[in-house]
Amino acid sequence: MLGLCLALRNNFYPLLIETDSQVLLKILNTTSTKYSSITSDCTDLLDELSDPVLSHIYRESNNVADILAHYGQTMATEDYQHLFLFVTPPTCTMKQLSLDLTGTESTRSIP
């Protein structure tokens, strides 16, 4: 939700949101009362962002986001209220960004 607020505050739209969580997409597209408080907040923000496209993307196609998530865990503090914005990509993402730029495909292993 913080990312949606950041996008709205900085006028980062039109926006395309990709996630590797099919569960998240299902929750946002249903009227489940179990998560109604947070889904209501999210759908309100999505409305304010002119209803961006939400789509599923396989984790293998989202490697930079996965690397950043793991990197963020190493930076986490007890209050989890910090937001880190990078002017340039962190060093840990450079190899994957280079692979993405050259169109290198990654394989997907299915258990």
N, C-alpha and C. Protein backbone atom coordinates (compact mmCIF):
# COMPACT_ATOMS: atom_id res chain seq x y z
N MET A 1 0.82 -1.17 0.00
CA MET A 1 0.00 0.00 0.00
C MET A 1 0.88 1.25 0.00
N LEU A 2 2.03 1.15 0.63
CA LEU A 2 2.94 2.28 0.66
C LEU A 2 3.37 2.67 -0.75
N GLY A 3 3.58 1.68 -1.59
CA GLY A 3 3.96 1.95 -2.98
C GLY A 3 2.87 2.68 -3.73
N LEU A 4 1.61 2.34 -3.47
CA LEU A 4 0.50 3.04 -4.12
C LEU A 4 0.43 4.49 -3.66
N CYS A 5 0.64 4.70 -2.36
CA CYS A 5 0.65 6.08 -1.83
C CYS A 5 1.79 6.89 -2.45
N LEU A 6 2.95 6.27 -2.58
CA LEU A 6 4.10 6.94 -3.18
C LEU A 6 3.82 7.31 -4.64
N ALA A 7 3.21 6.39 -5.37
CA ALA A 7 2.88 6.65 -6.77
C ALA A 7 1.88 7.80 -6.89
N LEU A 8 0.90 7.82 -6.02
CA LEU A 8 -0.11 8.88 -6.05
C LEU A 8 0.51 10.24 -5.69
N ARG A 9 1.28 10.25 -4.63
CA ARG A 9 1.89 11.49 -4.16
C ARG A 9 2.83 12.11 -5.20
N ASN A 10 3.50 11.26 -5.98
CA ASN A 10 4.47 11.74 -6.96
C ASN A 10 3.97 11.72 -8.40
N ASN A 11 2.66 11.49 -8.55
CA ASN A 11 2.04 11.46 -9.89
C ASN A 11 2.70 10.46 -10.83
N PHE A 12 3.00 9.27 -10.31
CA PHE A 12 3.59 8.21 -11.13
C PHE A 12 2.50 7.42 -11.83
N TYR A 13 1.77 8.06 -12.70
CA TYR A 13 0.77 7.34 -13.46
C TYR A 13 0.58 8.03 -14.80
N PRO A 14 0.16 7.29 -15.82
CA PRO A 14 -0.43 5.96 -15.75
C PRO A 14 0.58 4.93 -15.25
N LEU A 15 0.04 3.90 -14.63
CA LEU A 15 0.85 2.94 -13.90
C LEU A 15 0.48 1.52 -14.31
N LEU A 16 1.47 0.66 -14.43
CA LEU A 16 1.28 -0.76 -14.65
C LEU A 16 1.85 -1.46 -13.42
N ILE A 17 1.04 -2.25 -12.76
CA ILE A 17 1.49 -2.94 -11.55
C ILE A 17 1.56 -4.43 -11.84
N GLU A 18 2.76 -4.98 -11.69
CA GLU A 18 2.97 -6.41 -11.90
C GLU A 18 3.33 -7.05 -10.57
N THR A 19 2.76 -8.22 -10.31
CA THR A 19 3.05 -8.94 -9.08
C THR A 19 3.15 -10.43 -9.38
N ASP A 20 3.97 -11.11 -8.59
CA ASP A 20 4.04 -12.56 -8.75
C ASP A 20 3.07 -13.26 -7.79
N SER A 21 2.23 -12.49 -7.13
CA SER A 21 1.27 -13.05 -6.18
C SER A 21 -0.13 -13.14 -6.79
N GLN A 22 -0.49 -14.33 -7.22
CA GLN A 22 -1.84 -14.53 -7.74
C GLN A 22 -2.87 -14.39 -6.62
N VAL A 23 -2.47 -14.71 -5.40
CA VAL A 23 -3.37 -14.57 -4.25
C VAL A 23 -3.74 -13.10 -4.05
N LEU A 24 -2.77 -12.22 -4.14
CA LEU A 24 -3.03 -10.79 -4.00
C LEU A 24 -4.03 -10.32 -5.05
N LEU A 25 -3.82 -10.71 -6.30
CA LEU A 25 -4.72 -10.30 -7.37
C LEU A 25 -6.13 -10.82 -7.12
N LYS A 26 -6.23 -12.06 -6.65
CA LYS A 26 -7.55 -12.64 -6.37
C LYS A 26 -8.25 -11.87 -5.25
N ILE A 27 -7.51 -11.55 -4.20
CA ILE A 27 -8.09 -10.82 -3.06
C ILE A 27 -8.56 -9.43 -3.50
N LEU A 28 -7.76 -8.76 -4.32
CA LEU A 28 -8.13 -7.42 -4.76
C LEU A 28 -9.33 -7.42 -5.71
N ASN A 29 -9.56 -8.56 -6.37
CA ASN A 29 -10.66 -8.65 -7.33
C ASN A 29 -11.90 -9.33 -6.78
N THR A 30 -11.93 -9.58 -5.49
CA THR A 30 -13.12 -10.17 -4.88
C THR A 30 -13.62 -9.25 -3.77
N THR A 31 -14.76 -9.58 -3.25
CA THR A 31 -15.35 -8.77 -2.18
C THR A 31 -15.30 -9.52 -0.85
N SER A 32 -14.20 -10.17 -0.58
CA SER A 32 -14.02 -10.91 0.66
C SER A 32 -14.05 -9.96 1.86
N THR A 33 -14.82 -10.32 2.86
CA THR A 33 -14.88 -9.49 4.06
C THR A 33 -13.68 -9.72 4.98
N LYS A 34 -12.98 -10.83 4.77
CA LYS A 34 -11.84 -11.16 5.62
C LYS A 34 -10.75 -10.08 5.55
N TYR A 35 -10.54 -9.53 4.38
CA TYR A 35 -9.50 -8.53 4.20
C TYR A 35 -10.09 -7.17 3.79
N SER A 36 -11.34 -6.95 4.09
CA SER A 36 -12.04 -5.78 3.55
C SER A 36 -11.40 -4.45 3.93
N SER A 37 -10.84 -4.34 5.10
CA SER A 37 -10.25 -3.07 5.52
C SER A 37 -9.09 -2.67 4.62
N ILE A 38 -8.15 -3.57 4.44
CA ILE A 38 -6.97 -3.23 3.63
C ILE A 38 -7.31 -3.22 2.14
N THR A 39 -8.17 -4.14 1.69
CA THR A 39 -8.51 -4.13 0.26
C THR A 39 -9.29 -2.88 -0.11
N SER A 40 -10.11 -2.41 0.79
CA SER A 40 -10.86 -1.17 0.53
C SER A 40 -9.90 0.00 0.38
N ASP A 41 -8.91 0.08 1.26
CA ASP A 41 -7.91 1.14 1.16
C ASP A 41 -7.14 1.04 -0.16
N CYS A 42 -6.76 -0.17 -0.53
CA CYS A 42 -6.00 -0.37 -1.77
C CYS A 42 -6.85 -0.02 -2.99
N THR A 43 -8.10 -0.47 -3.03
CA THR A 43 -8.93 -0.18 -4.19
C THR A 43 -9.23 1.32 -4.30
N ASP A 44 -9.36 1.99 -3.16
CA ASP A 44 -9.54 3.45 -3.20
C ASP A 44 -8.31 4.13 -3.82
N LEU A 45 -7.12 3.68 -3.40
CA LEU A 45 -5.89 4.24 -3.98
C LEU A 45 -5.78 3.91 -5.47
N LEU A 46 -6.14 2.69 -5.84
CA LEU A 46 -6.10 2.31 -7.26
C LEU A 46 -7.05 3.18 -8.08
N ASP A 47 -8.21 3.47 -7.52
CA ASP A 47 -9.15 4.37 -8.20
C ASP A 47 -8.53 5.75 -8.41
N GLU A 48 -7.87 6.26 -7.37
CA GLU A 48 -7.23 7.58 -7.46
C GLU A 48 -6.09 7.58 -8.47
N LEU A 49 -5.51 6.42 -8.71
CA LEU A 49 -4.42 6.29 -9.68
C LEU A 49 -4.94 5.97 -11.08
N SER A 50 -6.22 6.23 -11.30
CA SER A 50 -6.87 6.00 -12.61
C SER A 50 -6.91 4.53 -12.99
N ASP A 51 -7.15 3.66 -12.00
CA ASP A 51 -7.30 2.22 -12.23
C ASP A 51 -6.17 1.61 -13.06
N PRO A 52 -4.97 1.58 -12.49
CA PRO A 52 -3.86 0.99 -13.24
C PRO A 52 -4.09 -0.49 -13.53
N VAL A 53 -3.43 -0.98 -14.55
CA VAL A 53 -3.52 -2.39 -14.91
C VAL A 53 -2.77 -3.20 -13.86
N LEU A 54 -3.45 -4.21 -13.30
CA LEU A 54 -2.82 -5.14 -12.37
C LEU A 54 -2.64 -6.46 -13.11
N SER A 55 -1.43 -6.98 -13.14
CA SER A 55 -1.23 -8.22 -13.87
C SER A 55 -0.27 -9.15 -13.13
N HIS A 56 -0.44 -10.43 -13.41
CA HIS A 56 0.43 -11.45 -12.82
C HIS A 56 1.68 -11.58 -13.68
N ILE A 57 2.80 -11.72 -13.01
CA ILE A 57 4.07 -11.94 -13.70
C ILE A 57 4.78 -13.06 -12.94
N TYR A 58 5.38 -13.99 -13.65
CA TYR A 58 6.09 -15.07 -12.96
C TYR A 58 7.30 -14.52 -12.23
N ARG A 59 7.60 -15.11 -11.11
CA ARG A 59 8.72 -14.67 -10.27
C ARG A 59 10.02 -14.61 -11.07
N GLU A 60 10.20 -15.55 -11.99
CA GLU A 60 11.42 -15.57 -12.79
C GLU A 60 11.53 -14.34 -13.69
N SER A 61 10.42 -13.72 -14.00
CA SER A 61 10.43 -12.51 -14.82
C SER A 61 10.51 -11.25 -13.97
N ASN A 62 10.57 -11.44 -12.67
CA ASN A 62 10.54 -10.33 -11.74
C ASN A 62 11.77 -10.39 -10.82
N ASN A 63 12.89 -10.81 -11.38
CA ASN A 63 14.09 -11.05 -10.57
C ASN A 63 14.61 -9.81 -9.87
N VAL A 64 14.57 -8.66 -10.51
CA VAL A 64 15.09 -7.45 -9.88
C VAL A 64 14.25 -7.10 -8.66
N ALA A 65 12.94 -7.23 -8.78
CA ALA A 65 12.06 -6.96 -7.63
C ALA A 65 12.36 -7.94 -6.50
N ASP A 66 12.62 -9.19 -6.83
CA ASP A 66 12.94 -10.20 -5.82
C ASP A 66 14.26 -9.87 -5.13
N ILE A 67 15.24 -9.45 -5.91
CA ILE A 67 16.55 -9.06 -5.34
C ILE A 67 16.37 -7.87 -4.41
N LEU A 68 15.58 -6.88 -4.85
CA LEU A 68 15.34 -5.70 -4.01
C LEU A 68 14.60 -6.05 -2.73
N ALA A 69 13.66 -6.98 -2.81
CA ALA A 69 12.93 -7.40 -1.61
C ALA A 69 13.88 -8.04 -0.59
N HIS A 70 14.76 -8.91 -1.08
CA HIS A 70 15.73 -9.53 -0.18
C HIS A 70 16.70 -8.49 0.39
N TYR A 71 17.10 -7.57 -0.45
CA TYR A 71 18.00 -6.50 -0.01
C TYR A 71 17.31 -5.65 1.06
N GLY A 72 16.04 -5.36 0.84
CA GLY A 72 15.27 -4.58 1.81
C GLY A 72 15.18 -5.26 3.16
N GLN A 73 15.11 -6.58 3.15
CA GLN A 73 15.06 -7.31 4.42
C GLN A 73 16.34 -7.12 5.23
N THR A 74 17.45 -6.93 4.55
CA THR A 74 18.70 -6.71 5.28
C THR A 74 18.77 -5.30 5.84
N MET A 75 17.94 -4.40 5.32
CA MET A 75 17.94 -3.01 5.77
C MET A 75 16.83 -2.75 6.80
N ALA A 76 15.99 -3.74 7.03
CA ALA A 76 14.82 -3.54 7.89
C ALA A 76 15.22 -3.15 9.30
N THR A 77 14.38 -2.32 9.89
CA THR A 77 14.57 -1.90 11.27
C THR A 77 13.39 -2.39 12.08
N GLU A 78 13.46 -2.20 13.36
CA GLU A 78 12.38 -2.69 14.23
C GLU A 78 11.04 -2.03 13.95
N ASP A 79 11.04 -0.77 13.54
CA ASP A 79 9.75 -0.10 13.36
C ASP A 79 9.19 -0.26 11.94
N TYR A 80 9.95 -0.75 11.00
CA TYR A 80 9.51 -1.02 9.63
C TYR A 80 8.79 0.17 8.99
N GLN A 81 9.11 1.37 9.40
CA GLN A 81 8.45 2.55 8.86
C GLN A 81 9.32 3.29 7.86
N HIS A 82 10.48 2.78 7.56
CA HIS A 82 11.39 3.47 6.67
C HIS A 82 11.14 3.08 5.22
N LEU A 83 11.24 4.03 4.36
CA LEU A 83 11.13 3.81 2.93
C LEU A 83 12.46 4.23 2.31
N PHE A 84 13.03 3.37 1.52
CA PHE A 84 14.30 3.66 0.89
C PHE A 84 14.08 3.90 -0.59
N LEU A 85 14.48 5.05 -1.07
CA LEU A 85 14.41 5.38 -2.48
C LEU A 85 15.84 5.47 -3.01
N PHE A 86 16.08 4.82 -4.13
CA PHE A 86 17.42 4.79 -4.70
C PHE A 86 17.49 5.68 -5.93
N VAL A 87 18.48 6.54 -5.98
CA VAL A 87 18.69 7.39 -7.14
C VAL A 87 19.28 6.54 -8.27
N THR A 88 20.14 5.62 -7.90
CA THR A 88 20.70 4.66 -8.84
C THR A 88 20.44 3.26 -8.28
N PRO A 89 20.37 2.27 -9.12
CA PRO A 89 20.10 0.91 -8.64
C PRO A 89 21.21 0.44 -7.69
N PRO A 90 20.83 -0.27 -6.62
CA PRO A 90 21.84 -0.83 -5.73
C PRO A 90 22.74 -1.81 -6.49
N THR A 91 23.96 -1.92 -6.04
CA THR A 91 24.94 -2.79 -6.68
C THR A 91 24.44 -4.22 -6.83
N CYS A 92 23.67 -4.68 -5.84
CA CYS A 92 23.20 -6.07 -5.87
C CYS A 92 22.26 -6.37 -7.04
N THR A 93 21.72 -5.34 -7.69
CA THR A 93 20.79 -5.55 -8.80
C THR A 93 21.46 -5.44 -10.17
N MET A 94 22.69 -4.98 -10.20
CA MET A 94 23.33 -4.64 -11.48
C MET A 94 23.46 -5.84 -12.43
N LYS A 95 23.81 -7.00 -11.92
CA LYS A 95 23.96 -8.18 -12.79
C LYS A 95 22.62 -8.52 -13.44
N GLN A 96 21.54 -8.55 -12.65
CA GLN A 96 20.24 -8.90 -13.20
C GLN A 96 19.73 -7.84 -14.15
N LEU A 97 19.97 -6.56 -13.84
CA LEU A 97 19.57 -5.49 -14.75
C LEU A 97 20.28 -5.63 -16.09
N SER A 98 21.55 -6.00 -16.05
CA SER A 98 22.32 -6.20 -17.27
C SER A 98 21.73 -7.36 -18.09
N LEU A 99 21.37 -8.45 -17.40
CA LEU A 99 20.75 -9.58 -18.09
C LEU A 99 19.41 -9.18 -18.69
N ASP A 100 18.64 -8.39 -17.97
CA ASP A 100 17.34 -7.93 -18.48
C ASP A 100 17.52 -7.06 -19.73
N LEU A 101 18.52 -6.18 -19.69
CA LEU A 101 18.75 -5.29 -20.84
C LEU A 101 19.14 -6.05 -22.10
N THR A 102 19.83 -7.17 -21.93
CA THR A 102 20.24 -7.96 -23.09
C THR A 102 19.18 -8.97 -23.51
N GLY A 103 18.08 -9.03 -22.77
CA GLY A 103 16.99 -9.95 -23.12
C GLY A 103 17.25 -11.39 -22.74
N THR A 104 18.20 -11.60 -21.82
CA THR A 104 18.51 -12.95 -21.38
C THR A 104 17.32 -13.54 -20.63
N GLU A 105 16.90 -14.71 -21.05
CA GLU A 105 15.76 -15.36 -20.40
C GLU A 105 16.23 -16.22 -19.26
N SER A 106 15.37 -16.36 -18.25
CA SER A 106 15.69 -17.27 -17.15
C SER A 106 14.75 -18.47 -17.23
N THR A 107 15.21 -19.57 -16.71
CA THR A 107 14.40 -20.78 -16.75
C THR A 107 13.50 -20.85 -15.54
N ARG A 108 12.42 -21.55 -15.70
CA ARG A 108 11.46 -21.71 -14.61
C ARG A 108 11.42 -23.18 -14.24
N SER A 109 11.68 -23.45 -12.96
CA SER A 109 11.62 -24.84 -12.51
C SER A 109 10.27 -25.09 -11.87
N ILE A 110 9.63 -26.16 -12.28
CA ILE A 110 8.33 -26.51 -11.74
C ILE A 110 8.50 -27.77 -10.91
N PRO A 111 8.17 -27.68 -9.61
CA PRO A 111 8.36 -28.85 -8.74
C PRO A 111 7.42 -29.99 -9.09
